[in-house]
């Protein structure tokens, strides 16, 4: 006798996927994307850049290493839910503190297994990131028409300023360094640079990477002004990753960024920070068809032709055709030719679309943190 489905994914176009629910019960309405990474599902679910999104994992073995607090990129999962091919198994890893299902349930996030994720991924690629409603009911009772209506009513990410929802409530200091065997995370000793990091949804490992480069980091909320930044007399400004439409967040963030750039401080941005720095320099951003989400994206560095294997998570991109004179494109995606990096000519101001702190491959892009530190040292003489 067939098992009754306990989870339902309804797309705004009326397409329905049935499967098995796990984690928290209830319904989540969001944009659906897919991620091609083979590891790091916990980091993905806790990445604030996934706010208002449900993640389809193309790799089938999700949950087999469990979860551990050490791998959280923020205090709680931010992605609204997850779709997987095979149901999570019991964790088999010495670091596991909890099973994925238990963790999701305790954090109010919905999971759905038993889905043909290849078919779902093809639909996303061909039609664009759809609006969806994901529901988990242990009894398997679903109002399909109501779920489709909820998906259709979702406003979408265009025009949404989500950085305000995920940013810190107040400023704080960060001194934890990157994880290393066998001691785990370390603590910054003597610092060489004072950095202000604007939190638009910052991942913890970005802050650890800054601290590991000798940076004494003060984190400010997304709404921080240029006066707030400059009052701390930093050696440099870091602009973090984050969710939502950069144009919406940029309404208050771009003027502050532009003023700090004009002050002469070194500036380094990642992901949403990259997009807003580009806008502050005069470029525009556009919504992508299905975005880039994964740990295997090849990016070409123009200065020497080197290809970096990178981690990405973005649904908007900088339109390279709108980069003004004096702003050079430094990196480009080898998947679709989209912009992946910029630099202000003759100035220590640069950013990348991808995530160098995630370091897929042999830490291909970690050099960017050292370049930021070098720029600060050259300006401050330290």
Protein backbone atom coordinates (compact mmCIF):
# COMPACT_ATOMS: atom_id res chain seq x y z
CA UNK A 1 0.00 0.00 0.00
CA UNK A 2 1.54 3.37 -1.01
CA UNK A 3 2.58 5.72 1.76
CA UNK A 4 0.56 8.91 1.93
CA UNK A 5 2.64 12.02 1.16
CA UNK A 6 3.19 14.32 4.11
CA UNK A 7 4.69 17.30 2.28
CA UNK A 8 3.58 19.38 -0.69
CA UNK A 9 5.46 21.92 -2.80
CA UNK A 10 3.14 24.13 -4.87
CA UNK A 11 4.59 26.37 -7.59
CA UNK A 12 2.85 29.55 -8.67
CA UNK A 13 2.26 28.06 -12.14
CA UNK A 14 0.20 25.27 -10.58
CA UNK A 15 2.87 22.54 -10.70
CA UNK A 16 2.70 20.29 -7.63
CA UNK A 17 5.40 18.09 -6.07
CA UNK A 18 4.47 15.66 -3.31
CA UNK A 19 6.92 14.09 -0.91
CA UNK A 20 7.79 13.31 2.69
CA UNK A 21 8.03 16.07 5.25
CA UNK A 22 10.59 16.44 8.03
CA UNK A 23 11.62 19.17 10.42
CA UNK A 24 8.97 21.68 11.45
CA UNK A 25 5.33 21.41 10.41
CA UNK A 26 3.46 24.26 8.77
CA UNK A 27 3.74 26.24 5.54
CA UNK A 28 6.48 28.52 4.15
CA UNK A 29 6.08 30.82 1.16
CA UNK A 30 9.22 31.97 -0.63
CA UNK A 31 11.29 32.01 -3.81
CA UNK A 32 12.71 28.63 -4.81
CA UNK A 33 16.37 28.25 -5.81
CA UNK A 34 18.78 25.33 -6.18
CA UNK A 35 22.26 24.81 -4.76
CA UNK A 36 24.81 22.48 -6.36
CA UNK A 37 27.21 22.15 -3.40
CA UNK A 38 28.07 18.62 -2.25
CA UNK A 39 28.79 19.69 1.34
CA UNK A 40 27.87 22.54 3.66
CA UNK A 41 24.08 22.20 3.89
CA UNK A 42 24.11 23.59 7.44
CA UNK A 43 26.16 26.62 6.39
CA UNK A 44 23.75 27.14 3.48
CA UNK A 45 20.65 27.00 5.67
CA UNK A 46 22.16 29.48 8.16
CA UNK A 47 23.51 31.87 5.52
CA UNK A 48 21.46 35.10 5.89
CA UNK A 49 21.66 35.61 2.12
CA UNK A 50 18.99 32.89 1.78
CA UNK A 51 16.28 34.91 3.56
CA UNK A 52 12.88 34.46 1.86
CA UNK A 53 14.20 31.49 -0.16
CA UNK A 54 13.68 27.73 -0.10
CA UNK A 55 16.71 25.72 -1.22
CA UNK A 56 16.61 22.68 -3.50
CA UNK A 57 19.78 20.62 -2.99
CA UNK A 58 20.95 18.89 -6.16
CA UNK A 59 23.30 16.61 -4.17
CA UNK A 60 21.21 13.71 -2.83
CA UNK A 61 23.05 12.95 0.43
CA UNK A 62 21.81 15.76 2.64
CA UNK A 63 21.81 15.26 6.40
CA UNK A 64 24.24 12.35 6.62
CA UNK A 65 26.79 14.33 8.64
CA UNK A 66 24.25 15.85 11.03
CA UNK A 67 24.68 19.36 12.39
CA UNK A 68 26.99 21.04 14.88
CA UNK A 69 26.82 24.56 16.36
CA UNK A 70 30.39 25.17 15.12
CA UNK A 71 29.15 25.23 11.52
CA UNK A 72 26.37 27.81 11.91
CA UNK A 73 26.93 30.95 9.82
CA UNK A 74 24.33 32.80 11.91
CA UNK A 75 22.43 32.14 15.12
CA UNK A 76 19.51 30.37 13.40
CA UNK A 77 18.57 28.98 9.98
CA UNK A 78 17.51 31.81 7.70
CA UNK A 79 16.45 29.88 4.59
CA UNK A 80 12.72 29.20 4.79
CA UNK A 81 13.02 25.49 3.96
CA UNK A 82 14.86 22.76 2.08
CA UNK A 83 14.01 20.26 -0.68
CA UNK A 84 16.06 17.05 -1.01
CA UNK A 85 15.96 13.86 -3.06
CA UNK A 86 16.50 11.31 -0.31
CA UNK A 87 15.27 11.54 3.26
CA UNK A 88 18.04 12.50 5.73
CA UNK A 89 19.69 9.53 7.39
CA UNK A 90 21.00 9.23 10.93
CA UNK A 91 24.19 11.32 11.19
CA UNK A 92 27.51 9.56 10.76
CA UNK A 93 30.17 12.07 11.77
CA UNK A 94 32.21 12.52 14.93
CA UNK A 95 31.39 16.24 15.03
CA UNK A 96 27.61 15.77 14.82
CA UNK A 97 25.69 17.18 17.79
CA UNK A 98 22.19 16.71 16.35
CA UNK A 99 20.32 15.10 13.49
CA UNK A 100 19.30 17.44 10.69
CA UNK A 101 15.59 16.67 11.14
CA UNK A 102 15.70 17.43 14.87
CA UNK A 103 17.62 20.64 14.26
CA UNK A 104 15.17 21.86 11.62
CA UNK A 105 12.19 21.07 13.84
CA UNK A 106 13.68 22.95 16.79
CA UNK A 107 14.43 25.97 14.59
CA UNK A 108 11.06 26.12 12.83
CA UNK A 109 12.25 25.20 9.34
CA UNK A 110 10.50 22.81 6.95
CA UNK A 111 12.18 20.01 4.99
CA UNK A 112 10.79 17.85 2.18
CA UNK A 113 12.30 14.63 0.82
CA UNK A 114 11.42 12.15 -1.88
CA UNK A 115 11.46 14.75 -4.64
CA UNK A 116 12.82 14.41 -8.17
CA UNK A 117 15.26 17.26 -7.62
CA UNK A 118 16.68 16.96 -11.16
CA UNK A 119 13.25 17.67 -12.62
CA UNK A 120 12.73 20.54 -10.18
CA UNK A 121 16.15 22.02 -10.95
CA UNK A 122 15.49 21.87 -14.70
CA UNK A 123 12.22 23.72 -14.15
CA UNK A 124 14.03 26.45 -12.20
CA UNK A 125 16.72 26.81 -14.89
CA UNK A 126 14.21 26.94 -17.73
CA UNK A 127 11.51 29.10 -16.18
CA UNK A 128 13.39 31.17 -13.62
CA UNK A 129 13.25 31.01 -9.83
CA UNK A 130 9.57 30.36 -9.06
CA UNK A 131 7.45 31.54 -6.16
CA UNK A 132 6.35 28.54 -4.10
CA UNK A 133 4.50 27.38 -1.01
CA UNK A 134 6.01 24.46 0.93
CA UNK A 135 3.78 22.67 3.43
CA UNK A 136 4.42 19.79 5.85
CA UNK A 137 1.46 18.08 7.52
CA UNK A 138 2.07 14.68 9.20
CA UNK A 139 -1.53 13.75 8.33
CA UNK A 140 -1.04 14.58 4.67
CA UNK A 141 -4.00 16.93 4.41
CA UNK A 142 -3.36 19.71 1.88
CA UNK A 143 -5.51 22.39 0.29
CA UNK A 144 -3.74 22.45 -3.06
CA UNK A 145 -5.66 25.43 -4.43
CA UNK A 146 -4.88 27.48 -1.33
CA UNK A 147 -1.17 26.61 -1.53
CA UNK A 148 -1.00 27.64 -5.19
CA UNK A 149 -2.78 30.89 -4.30
CA UNK A 150 -0.24 31.57 -1.55
CA UNK A 151 2.62 31.00 -3.98
CA UNK A 152 1.04 33.37 -6.50
CA UNK A 153 0.54 36.02 -3.83
CA UNK A 154 4.24 36.09 -2.86
CA UNK A 155 5.61 39.46 -3.93
CA UNK A 156 9.06 38.19 -4.93
CA UNK A 157 12.52 39.46 -4.02
CA UNK A 158 12.61 42.37 -6.46
CA UNK A 159 12.21 45.55 -4.45
CA UNK A 160 12.59 43.77 -1.10
CA UNK A 161 15.04 45.18 1.45
CA UNK A 162 15.77 42.08 3.54
CA UNK A 163 19.03 43.33 5.04
CA UNK A 164 17.04 45.13 7.75
CA UNK A 165 15.52 41.78 8.76
CA UNK A 166 18.81 39.90 9.19
CA UNK A 167 21.26 42.58 10.34
CA UNK A 168 22.49 42.88 13.92
CA UNK A 169 20.43 44.97 16.33
CA UNK A 170 23.46 46.82 17.67
CA UNK A 171 27.19 47.05 17.10
CA UNK A 172 29.60 44.45 18.47
CA UNK A 173 33.24 43.39 18.33
CA UNK A 174 34.47 40.22 16.64
CA UNK A 175 37.77 38.48 17.46
CA UNK A 176 37.22 34.79 16.65
CA UNK A 177 39.58 33.40 14.00
CA UNK A 178 39.14 30.52 11.54
CA UNK A 179 38.84 26.88 12.58
CA UNK A 180 42.06 24.87 12.64
CA UNK A 181 42.91 21.33 13.64
CA UNK A 182 43.12 20.30 16.43
CA UNK A 183 42.16 23.32 18.54
CA UNK A 184 39.10 24.56 16.64
CA UNK A 185 38.39 28.27 16.46
CA UNK A 186 41.01 30.67 17.78
CA UNK A 187 41.06 34.16 19.23
CA UNK A 188 42.77 37.14 17.63
CA UNK A 189 45.97 38.07 19.41
CA UNK A 190 47.67 41.30 18.45
CA UNK A 191 45.70 43.15 15.80
CA UNK A 192 47.25 45.12 12.96
CA UNK A 193 44.21 46.82 11.46
CA UNK A 194 40.92 48.32 12.66
CA UNK A 195 38.06 47.32 10.39
CA UNK A 196 34.43 48.34 10.42
CA UNK A 197 32.18 45.68 8.90
CA UNK A 198 28.67 46.64 7.81
CA UNK A 199 26.33 43.72 8.51
CA UNK A 200 23.82 43.29 5.69
CA UNK A 201 23.56 39.60 6.65
CA UNK A 202 27.20 38.76 7.36
CA UNK A 203 28.36 35.14 7.52
CA UNK A 204 30.47 34.35 10.57
CA UNK A 205 33.29 32.86 8.54
CA UNK A 206 33.77 36.17 6.74
CA UNK A 207 34.34 37.84 10.11
CA UNK A 208 36.67 35.00 11.11
CA UNK A 209 38.63 35.47 7.89
CA UNK A 210 39.06 39.17 8.64
CA UNK A 211 40.20 38.40 12.19
CA UNK A 212 42.60 35.74 10.90
CA UNK A 213 44.18 38.43 8.73
CA UNK A 214 44.93 40.51 11.82
CA UNK A 215 41.81 42.68 11.79
CA UNK A 216 40.17 44.04 14.94
CA UNK A 217 36.57 44.00 13.64
CA UNK A 218 33.69 46.19 14.79
CA UNK A 219 30.38 45.17 13.24
CA UNK A 220 27.73 47.82 12.60
CA UNK A 221 24.08 47.38 11.56
CA UNK A 222 23.04 47.72 7.91
CA UNK A 223 21.65 51.20 8.49
CA UNK A 224 24.97 52.62 9.71
CA UNK A 225 25.84 56.00 8.24
CA UNK A 226 29.20 57.20 6.98
CA UNK A 227 29.46 59.27 10.15
CA UNK A 228 29.01 56.10 12.24
CA UNK A 229 31.80 54.41 10.30
CA UNK A 230 34.29 57.28 10.26
CA UNK A 231 33.72 58.08 13.95
CA UNK A 232 35.44 54.78 14.78
CA UNK A 233 38.56 55.88 12.87
CA UNK A 234 39.00 52.55 11.08
CA UNK A 235 41.77 51.53 8.69
CA UNK A 236 39.22 50.02 6.31
CA UNK A 237 35.55 49.31 5.64
CA UNK A 238 34.13 45.88 4.85
CA UNK A 239 30.72 45.45 3.16
CA UNK A 240 29.12 42.07 3.87
CA UNK A 241 26.92 39.66 1.99
CA UNK A 242 23.17 39.71 2.52
CA UNK A 243 19.73 38.92 1.07
CA UNK A 244 17.16 40.72 -1.04
CA UNK A 245 17.30 43.33 -3.79
CA UNK A 246 20.50 45.42 -3.64
CA UNK A 247 18.67 48.38 -5.16
CA UNK A 248 16.22 48.39 -2.24
CA UNK A 249 18.92 48.14 0.43
CA UNK A 250 21.01 50.60 -1.54
CA UNK A 251 18.50 53.39 -0.98
CA UNK A 252 20.03 53.98 2.45
CA UNK A 253 23.32 52.06 2.13
CA UNK A 254 24.69 53.49 -1.12
CA UNK A 255 24.97 57.13 0.06
CA UNK A 256 26.91 55.97 3.14
CA UNK A 257 29.22 53.78 1.05
CA UNK A 258 29.84 56.57 -1.44
CA UNK A 259 30.84 58.97 1.34
CA UNK A 260 33.28 56.47 2.87
CA UNK A 261 34.83 55.79 -0.55
CA UNK A 262 35.29 59.55 -1.01
CA UNK A 263 37.10 59.70 2.34
CA UNK A 264 39.91 57.56 0.90
CA UNK A 265 39.47 54.52 3.17
CA UNK A 266 40.18 51.07 1.70
CA UNK A 267 36.89 49.27 1.01
CA UNK A 268 36.29 45.56 0.41
CA UNK A 269 32.89 44.06 -0.42
CA UNK A 270 31.48 40.55 -0.87
CA UNK A 271 28.23 39.51 -2.58
CA UNK A 272 25.53 42.08 -1.64
CA UNK A 273 28.36 44.34 -0.50
CA UNK A 274 29.88 43.97 -3.97
CA UNK A 275 26.60 44.92 -5.63
CA UNK A 276 26.07 47.98 -3.46
CA UNK A 277 29.66 49.14 -3.88
CA UNK A 278 29.11 48.91 -7.65
CA UNK A 279 25.98 51.03 -7.30
CA UNK A 280 27.85 53.54 -5.15
CA UNK A 281 30.38 53.85 -7.99
CA UNK A 282 27.64 54.38 -10.58
CA UNK A 283 26.63 50.93 -11.87
CA UNK A 284 23.27 49.14 -11.77
CA UNK A 285 22.13 45.68 -10.71
CA UNK A 286 19.62 43.29 -12.32
CA UNK A 287 17.64 40.22 -11.20
CA UNK A 288 19.01 36.96 -12.60
CA UNK A 289 16.91 34.17 -14.09
CA UNK A 290 17.82 31.62 -11.42
CA UNK A 291 20.94 33.02 -9.78
CA UNK A 292 24.20 31.32 -8.83
CA UNK A 293 24.15 29.02 -5.80
CA UNK A 294 26.89 26.44 -5.26
CA UNK A 295 30.48 25.68 -4.32
CA UNK A 296 31.79 24.85 -7.77
CA UNK A 297 31.55 28.03 -9.84
CA UNK A 298 34.58 28.84 -12.03
CA UNK A 299 35.58 32.50 -12.09
CA UNK A 300 38.28 34.00 -14.29
CA UNK A 301 40.57 36.68 -12.87
CA UNK A 302 41.38 39.14 -15.65
CA UNK A 303 44.78 40.33 -14.42
CA UNK A 304 46.48 36.98 -15.03
CA UNK A 305 43.85 34.64 -16.48
CA UNK A 306 43.79 32.45 -13.38
CA UNK A 307 40.58 30.48 -12.80
CA UNK A 308 39.30 30.25 -9.24
CA UNK A 309 36.74 27.66 -8.11
CA UNK A 310 34.38 29.66 -5.97
CA UNK A 311 31.35 29.49 -3.71
CA UNK A 312 28.39 31.63 -4.79
CA UNK A 313 24.97 32.59 -3.52
CA UNK A 314 23.22 35.43 -5.32
CA UNK A 315 20.09 36.08 -7.32
CA UNK A 316 21.03 39.59 -8.47
CA UNK A 317 24.12 40.66 -10.39
CA UNK A 318 26.01 43.80 -11.35
CA UNK A 319 25.34 44.78 -14.96
CA UNK A 320 28.90 45.08 -16.30
CA UNK A 321 27.66 47.22 -19.19
CA UNK A 322 26.82 49.97 -16.70
CA UNK A 323 30.24 50.15 -15.01
CA UNK A 324 31.42 53.75 -15.41
CA UNK A 325 34.84 54.92 -16.52
CA UNK A 326 37.41 54.38 -13.81
CA UNK A 327 35.76 51.19 -12.53
CA UNK A 328 37.33 48.05 -13.99
CA UNK A 329 35.88 44.55 -14.10
CA UNK A 330 38.34 42.23 -12.37
CA UNK A 331 36.56 38.85 -12.41
CA UNK A 332 33.97 37.17 -14.61
CA UNK A 333 31.89 33.98 -14.33
CA UNK A 334 32.90 31.26 -16.77
CA UNK A 335 29.37 29.84 -16.55
CA UNK A 336 27.52 32.79 -18.05
CA UNK A 337 29.92 35.72 -18.36
CA UNK A 338 28.29 37.69 -15.55
CA UNK A 339 30.32 40.14 -13.50
CA UNK A 340 32.12 38.71 -10.48
CA UNK A 341 34.44 41.50 -9.36
CA UNK A 342 35.29 45.20 -9.68
CA UNK A 343 38.01 47.62 -8.64
CA UNK A 344 38.15 51.41 -8.54
CA UNK A 345 41.16 52.32 -10.67
CA UNK A 346 44.08 53.63 -8.66
CA UNK A 347 42.25 53.25 -5.35
CA UNK A 348 42.14 50.51 -2.65
CA UNK A 349 38.44 49.90 -3.31
CA UNK A 350 37.38 46.49 -4.63
CA UNK A 351 34.76 43.77 -4.30
CA UNK A 352 33.78 40.32 -5.54
CA UNK A 353 30.46 38.62 -6.16
CA UNK A 354 31.55 35.25 -4.78
CA UNK A 355 32.49 34.08 -1.27
CA UNK A 356 36.27 33.83 -0.69
CA UNK A 357 35.73 32.88 2.96
CA UNK A 358 34.02 29.63 1.94
CA UNK A 359 37.17 28.48 0.13
CA UNK A 360 36.01 25.60 -2.06
CA UNK A 361 39.03 23.98 -3.66
CA UNK A 362 42.41 24.73 -2.02
CA UNK A 363 41.30 28.14 -0.68
CA UNK A 364 41.46 29.60 -4.17
CA UNK A 365 40.21 33.06 -3.20
CA UNK A 366 41.51 33.59 0.33
CA UNK A 367 44.15 35.97 -1.07
CA UNK A 368 41.50 38.72 -1.23
CA UNK A 369 41.57 39.16 2.54
CA UNK A 370 45.35 39.57 2.38
CA UNK A 371 44.98 42.16 -0.39
CA UNK A 372 42.57 44.10 1.82
CA UNK A 373 45.04 43.93 4.72
CA UNK A 374 47.87 45.08 2.43
CA UNK A 375 45.81 48.05 1.25
CA UNK A 376 45.13 49.07 4.85
CA UNK A 377 48.80 48.68 5.80
CA UNK A 378 49.91 50.85 2.88
CA UNK A 379 47.48 53.60 3.85
CA UNK A 380 48.13 53.51 7.62
CA UNK A 381 51.82 52.67 7.54
CA UNK A 382 51.28 49.65 9.83
